[in-house]
């Protein structure tokens, strides 16, 4: 009888460990906070393209 209770405790511990692992991974890999600074758009600093040699025809 002691063997089945030990097996039950072992299975319960494995299920608990898997549940904790799944919750931790879901929290770590979740979407970013939309109110955070990293979600803000990057402001333009200057013109992206400025030709060095003006071709005048």
N, C-alpha and C. Protein backbone atom coordinates (compact mmCIF):
# COMPACT_ATOMS: atom_id res chain seq x y z
N UNK A 1 0.83 -1.19 0.00
CA UNK A 1 0.00 0.00 0.00
C UNK A 1 0.87 1.26 0.00
N UNK A 2 2.02 1.19 0.62
CA UNK A 2 2.89 2.36 0.68
C UNK A 2 3.42 2.71 -0.72
N UNK A 3 3.52 1.70 -1.56
CA UNK A 3 4.06 1.95 -2.89
C UNK A 3 3.12 2.82 -3.74
N UNK A 4 1.82 2.64 -3.63
CA UNK A 4 0.89 3.45 -4.41
C UNK A 4 0.84 4.89 -3.90
N UNK A 5 0.97 5.08 -2.60
CA UNK A 5 0.95 6.45 -2.08
C UNK A 5 2.23 7.20 -2.48
N UNK A 6 3.35 6.48 -2.54
CA UNK A 6 4.59 7.12 -2.99
C UNK A 6 4.48 7.51 -4.47
N UNK A 7 3.89 6.63 -5.26
CA UNK A 7 3.71 6.92 -6.68
C UNK A 7 2.77 8.10 -6.87
N UNK A 8 1.71 8.16 -6.08
CA UNK A 8 0.76 9.27 -6.16
C UNK A 8 1.44 10.59 -5.81
N UNK A 9 2.29 10.59 -4.79
CA UNK A 9 3.01 11.80 -4.41
C UNK A 9 3.99 12.23 -5.51
N UNK A 10 4.63 11.23 -6.14
CA UNK A 10 5.57 11.52 -7.22
C UNK A 10 4.84 12.12 -8.42
N UNK A 11 3.72 11.57 -8.80
CA UNK A 11 2.94 12.07 -9.92
C UNK A 11 2.41 13.47 -9.60
N UNK A 12 1.96 13.69 -8.39
CA UNK A 12 1.48 15.02 -7.99
C UNK A 12 2.60 16.04 -8.08
N UNK A 13 3.80 15.68 -7.64
CA UNK A 13 4.95 16.60 -7.70
C UNK A 13 5.31 16.92 -9.15
N UNK A 14 5.25 15.92 -10.04
CA UNK A 14 5.54 16.17 -11.45
C UNK A 14 4.51 17.09 -12.08
N UNK A 15 3.24 16.86 -11.79
CA UNK A 15 2.20 17.71 -12.34
C UNK A 15 2.33 19.14 -11.83
N UNK A 16 2.64 19.29 -10.57
CA UNK A 16 2.84 20.63 -9.99
C UNK A 16 4.04 21.33 -10.63
N UNK A 17 5.13 20.60 -10.83
CA UNK A 17 6.31 21.20 -11.47
C UNK A 17 6.02 21.62 -12.91
N UNK A 18 5.29 20.80 -13.63
CA UNK A 18 4.92 21.15 -15.01
C UNK A 18 4.02 22.38 -15.05
N UNK A 19 3.08 22.47 -14.12
CA UNK A 19 2.18 23.63 -14.08
C UNK A 19 2.96 24.91 -13.78
N UNK A 20 3.87 24.84 -12.84
CA UNK A 20 4.68 26.03 -12.51
C UNK A 20 5.54 26.43 -13.71
N UNK A 21 6.10 25.45 -14.41
CA UNK A 21 6.92 25.74 -15.58
C UNK A 21 6.10 26.40 -16.69
N UNK A 22 4.92 25.89 -16.94
CA UNK A 22 4.07 26.46 -17.99
C UNK A 22 3.66 27.89 -17.64
N UNK A 23 3.29 28.14 -16.40
CA UNK A 23 2.90 29.49 -15.99
C UNK A 23 4.08 30.45 -16.10
N UNK A 24 5.27 30.00 -15.72
CA UNK A 24 6.46 30.86 -15.81
C UNK A 24 6.79 31.20 -17.26
N UNK A 25 6.70 30.22 -18.15
CA UNK A 25 7.00 30.48 -19.55
C UNK A 25 5.96 31.41 -20.17
N UNK A 26 4.70 31.22 -19.84
CA UNK A 26 3.66 32.10 -20.39
C UNK A 26 3.83 33.54 -19.89
N UNK A 27 4.24 33.72 -18.65
CA UNK A 27 4.44 35.07 -18.12
C UNK A 27 5.66 35.72 -18.77
N UNK A 28 6.71 34.94 -19.02
CA UNK A 28 7.94 35.49 -19.59
C UNK A 28 7.75 35.82 -21.07
N UNK A 29 7.01 35.01 -21.78
CA UNK A 29 6.86 35.18 -23.22
C UNK A 29 5.58 35.92 -23.60
N UNK A 30 4.95 36.58 -22.65
CA UNK A 30 3.72 37.30 -22.92
C UNK A 30 3.94 38.55 -23.73
N UNK A 31 2.87 39.18 -24.19
CA UNK A 31 3.01 40.41 -24.98
C UNK A 31 3.54 41.56 -24.10
N UNK A 32 4.24 42.52 -24.70
CA UNK A 32 4.76 43.63 -23.91
C UNK A 32 3.65 44.55 -23.42
N UNK A 33 3.97 45.30 -22.40
CA UNK A 33 3.02 46.25 -21.82
C UNK A 33 2.82 47.41 -22.81
N UNK A 34 1.59 47.68 -23.26
CA UNK A 34 1.39 48.76 -24.24
C UNK A 34 1.66 50.14 -23.65
N UNK A 35 1.67 50.27 -22.34
CA UNK A 35 1.94 51.56 -21.72
C UNK A 35 3.43 51.77 -21.44
N UNK A 36 4.25 50.78 -21.75
CA UNK A 36 5.68 50.87 -21.47
C UNK A 36 6.40 51.79 -22.45
N UNK A 37 7.63 52.18 -22.10
CA UNK A 37 8.42 53.07 -22.94
C UNK A 37 8.88 52.38 -24.22
N UNK A 38 9.05 51.06 -24.17
CA UNK A 38 9.55 50.37 -25.35
C UNK A 38 8.50 50.31 -26.46
N UNK A 39 7.23 50.53 -26.13
CA UNK A 39 6.17 50.47 -27.14
C UNK A 39 5.94 51.82 -27.81
N UNK A 40 6.61 52.87 -27.36
CA UNK A 40 6.42 54.20 -27.94
C UNK A 40 7.08 54.27 -29.32
N UNK A 41 6.49 55.01 -30.25
CA UNK A 41 7.12 55.14 -31.57
C UNK A 41 8.40 55.96 -31.48
N UNK A 42 9.33 55.64 -32.36
CA UNK A 42 10.62 56.33 -32.38
C UNK A 42 10.45 57.64 -33.15
N UNK A 43 10.76 58.78 -32.54
CA UNK A 43 10.60 60.07 -33.24
C UNK A 43 11.69 60.23 -34.31
N UNK A 44 11.34 60.83 -35.46
CA UNK A 44 12.36 61.04 -36.51
C UNK A 44 13.37 62.10 -36.06
N UNK A 45 14.62 61.89 -36.38
CA UNK A 45 15.68 62.82 -35.97
C UNK A 45 16.06 63.77 -37.11
N UNK A 46 16.16 63.23 -38.31
CA UNK A 46 16.54 64.06 -39.45
C UNK A 46 16.09 63.35 -40.72
N UNK A 47 16.37 63.96 -41.85
CA UNK A 47 15.99 63.38 -43.12
C UNK A 47 16.73 62.07 -43.33
N UNK A 48 16.01 61.06 -43.80
CA UNK A 48 16.63 59.75 -43.97
C UNK A 48 17.61 59.78 -45.13
N UNK A 49 17.22 60.38 -46.26
CA UNK A 49 18.09 60.38 -47.44
C UNK A 49 18.36 61.81 -47.87
N UNK A 50 19.62 62.13 -47.97
CA UNK A 50 20.02 63.45 -48.45
C UNK A 50 21.13 63.22 -49.50
N UNK A 51 20.85 63.50 -50.78
CA UNK A 51 21.86 63.23 -51.81
C UNK A 51 23.09 64.12 -51.62
N UNK A 52 24.25 63.55 -51.92
CA UNK A 52 25.47 64.31 -51.79
C UNK A 52 25.79 65.12 -53.03
N UNK A 53 25.44 64.63 -54.20
CA UNK A 53 25.69 65.33 -55.47
C UNK A 53 24.36 65.66 -56.11
N UNK A 54 24.04 66.94 -56.18
CA UNK A 54 22.79 67.36 -56.80
C UNK A 54 22.96 67.36 -58.32
N UNK A 55 22.11 66.66 -59.01
CA UNK A 55 22.13 66.64 -60.47
C UNK A 55 21.13 67.68 -60.97
N UNK A 56 21.67 68.73 -61.59
CA UNK A 56 20.82 69.78 -62.12
C UNK A 56 20.83 69.68 -63.64
N UNK A 57 19.70 69.52 -64.23
CA UNK A 57 19.60 69.41 -65.69
C UNK A 57 18.94 70.64 -66.24
